[in-house]
């Protein structure tokens, strides 16, 4: 009767494989975590879309002289919405809305849309700000947006 040795893996080989898998996991997990946070934050970035389009249409219809009328809850611009569980907060803000009505709105005035992540998300209290510059032609020029935490954008 012949005995055969060497079937299977030795303990050293198994420990080496476990060590390699551990190192790969150690390297990959932080990147995966950031990926998940960015993916979840997309919902917050997308929430500015309705306000952005509504404000653009209103500004082009009314023109620069009357753009002050393009406030929240008017001209199809959504009202201020505060962040809550499962709800992205969105608000339209600008000095032109609070300024004296006799003061003319000038070219290069700015309007901001600020979106805040839901309070029950891992990104709670993080914001995405989109800034628009008003032009005399009624055109609204948007920047590319800014996140309160750089790694989310």
Protein backbone atom coordinates (compact mmCIF):
# COMPACT_ATOMS: atom_id res chain seq x y z
CA UNK A 1 0.00 0.00 0.00
CA UNK A 2 1.38 3.39 -1.06
CA UNK A 3 0.70 6.52 1.02
CA UNK A 4 0.31 9.80 -0.86
CA UNK A 5 1.24 12.98 0.92
CA UNK A 6 0.69 16.55 -0.21
CA UNK A 7 -3.02 16.54 -0.89
CA UNK A 8 -4.38 19.99 0.08
CA UNK A 9 -2.76 23.18 1.29
CA UNK A 10 -0.36 23.62 4.12
CA UNK A 11 -1.11 25.98 6.99
CA UNK A 12 1.60 28.38 5.77
CA UNK A 13 0.04 28.58 2.30
CA UNK A 14 -3.39 29.30 3.78
CA UNK A 15 -1.95 32.03 6.04
CA UNK A 16 -0.20 33.69 3.07
CA UNK A 17 -3.47 33.74 1.09
CA UNK A 18 -5.38 35.17 4.07
CA UNK A 19 -2.68 37.85 4.47
CA UNK A 20 -2.90 38.86 0.80
CA UNK A 21 -6.70 39.06 0.95
CA UNK A 22 -6.47 41.17 4.11
CA UNK A 23 -4.07 43.64 2.45
CA UNK A 24 -6.31 43.96 -0.60
CA UNK A 25 -9.32 44.60 1.62
CA UNK A 26 -7.38 47.18 3.65
CA UNK A 27 -6.54 49.07 0.46
CA UNK A 28 -9.96 48.77 -1.21
CA UNK A 29 -12.36 49.54 1.66
CA UNK A 30 -11.63 53.30 2.08
CA UNK A 31 -12.04 53.82 -1.68
CA UNK A 32 -15.26 51.85 -1.64
CA UNK A 33 -16.58 53.91 1.29
CA UNK A 34 -15.88 57.18 -0.57
CA UNK A 35 -17.56 55.74 -3.67
CA UNK A 36 -20.69 54.94 -1.66
CA UNK A 37 -20.77 58.45 -0.12
CA UNK A 38 -20.38 60.11 -3.55
CA UNK A 39 -23.08 57.89 -5.04
CA UNK A 40 -25.49 58.77 -2.24
CA UNK A 41 -24.69 62.48 -2.61
CA UNK A 42 -25.75 62.44 -6.27
CA UNK A 43 -29.35 62.63 -5.06
CA UNK A 44 -28.51 65.94 -3.38
CA UNK A 45 -26.79 67.29 -6.49
CA UNK A 46 -29.71 66.32 -8.72
CA UNK A 47 -32.22 68.07 -6.43
CA UNK A 48 -31.10 71.51 -7.66
CA UNK A 49 -32.31 70.70 -11.18
CA UNK A 50 -35.96 71.72 -10.79
CA UNK A 51 -35.09 75.05 -9.18
CA UNK A 52 -32.34 75.70 -11.73
CA UNK A 53 -34.55 75.18 -14.78
CA UNK A 54 -37.50 77.10 -13.27
CA UNK A 55 -35.29 80.08 -12.39
CA UNK A 56 -33.73 80.13 -15.87
CA UNK A 57 -37.11 80.14 -17.58
CA UNK A 58 -38.42 82.88 -15.29
CA UNK A 59 -35.30 85.03 -15.76
CA UNK A 60 -35.56 84.75 -19.54
CA UNK A 61 -39.27 85.50 -19.56
CA UNK A 62 -39.11 88.50 -17.22
CA UNK A 63 -35.67 89.82 -18.17
CA UNK A 64 -32.99 91.28 -15.93
CA UNK A 65 -35.06 94.28 -14.85
CA UNK A 66 -37.79 92.10 -13.30
CA UNK A 67 -35.75 89.05 -12.26
CA UNK A 68 -36.44 89.97 -8.63
CA UNK A 69 -39.89 88.43 -9.20
CA UNK A 70 -38.34 85.00 -9.79
CA UNK A 71 -38.49 84.02 -6.15
CA UNK A 72 -39.36 80.75 -4.52
CA UNK A 73 -43.04 79.78 -4.65
CA UNK A 74 -43.59 81.90 -7.76
CA UNK A 75 -43.24 81.28 -11.50
CA UNK A 76 -43.07 77.49 -10.91
CA UNK A 77 -40.00 77.86 -8.69
CA UNK A 78 -40.36 75.38 -5.80
CA UNK A 79 -40.68 76.73 -2.27
CA UNK A 80 -37.85 76.38 0.24
CA UNK A 81 -37.66 72.80 1.39
CA UNK A 82 -35.74 71.93 4.56
CA UNK A 83 -33.74 68.73 4.81
CA UNK A 84 -35.54 65.95 6.66
CA UNK A 85 -35.48 62.15 6.81
CA UNK A 86 -35.31 60.99 3.23
CA UNK A 87 -35.82 64.55 1.93
CA UNK A 88 -33.17 66.74 0.31
CA UNK A 89 -33.38 70.38 1.41
CA UNK A 90 -33.29 72.96 -1.41
CA UNK A 91 -33.38 76.74 -1.27
CA UNK A 92 -32.90 79.60 -3.71
CA UNK A 93 -31.03 82.55 -2.19
CA UNK A 94 -29.73 85.90 -3.40
CA UNK A 95 -29.22 89.44 -2.16
CA UNK A 96 -31.44 90.69 -5.00
CA UNK A 97 -34.51 89.16 -3.33
CA UNK A 98 -33.84 91.00 -0.06
CA UNK A 99 -32.63 94.31 -1.51
CA UNK A 100 -34.68 97.48 -1.74
CA UNK A 101 -37.07 97.23 -4.70
CA UNK A 102 -35.93 100.62 -5.98
CA UNK A 103 -32.39 99.30 -6.43
CA UNK A 104 -32.01 97.95 -9.95
CA UNK A 105 -30.78 94.41 -10.47
CA UNK A 106 -27.50 94.65 -12.30
CA UNK A 107 -25.60 92.37 -14.59
CA UNK A 108 -23.22 90.16 -12.63
CA UNK A 109 -25.58 89.83 -9.64
CA UNK A 110 -25.58 86.27 -8.36
CA UNK A 111 -28.20 83.74 -7.34
CA UNK A 112 -27.41 80.54 -5.44
CA UNK A 113 -29.23 77.26 -5.12
CA UNK A 114 -28.19 75.37 -1.99
CA UNK A 115 -29.11 71.71 -1.62
CA UNK A 116 -28.63 69.93 1.73
CA UNK A 117 -28.41 66.15 2.07
CA UNK A 118 -31.16 64.33 4.02
CA UNK A 119 -30.62 64.26 7.77
CA UNK A 120 -30.76 60.46 7.91
CA UNK A 121 -28.03 59.91 5.29
CA UNK A 122 -24.32 59.41 5.87
CA UNK A 123 -23.84 62.82 4.23
CA UNK A 124 -26.15 64.65 6.65
CA UNK A 125 -25.60 68.44 6.72
CA UNK A 126 -23.38 68.34 3.61
CA UNK A 127 -24.34 70.88 0.95
CA UNK A 128 -24.07 71.38 -2.77
CA UNK A 129 -24.12 75.01 -3.95
CA UNK A 130 -24.78 76.02 -7.53
CA UNK A 131 -24.14 79.70 -8.32
CA UNK A 132 -25.60 81.64 -11.25
CA UNK A 133 -24.47 84.94 -12.67
CA UNK A 134 -27.18 87.08 -14.27
CA UNK A 135 -26.49 88.63 -17.67
CA UNK A 136 -28.13 91.67 -19.27
CA UNK A 137 -29.58 89.52 -22.05
CA UNK A 138 -31.58 87.57 -19.49
CA UNK A 139 -29.19 84.67 -19.80
CA UNK A 140 -28.24 82.86 -16.61
CA UNK A 141 -24.72 81.40 -16.45
CA UNK A 142 -24.20 78.61 -13.91
CA UNK A 143 -20.90 77.52 -12.43
CA UNK A 144 -20.05 73.83 -12.08
CA UNK A 145 -21.15 73.71 -8.44
CA UNK A 146 -19.34 73.35 -5.14
CA UNK A 147 -19.65 70.74 -2.43
CA UNK A 148 -19.11 71.46 1.27
CA UNK A 149 -16.83 68.41 1.32
CA UNK A 150 -14.49 68.29 -1.68
CA UNK A 151 -14.45 64.48 -1.96
CA UNK A 152 -18.22 64.42 -2.59
CA UNK A 153 -17.93 66.28 -5.90
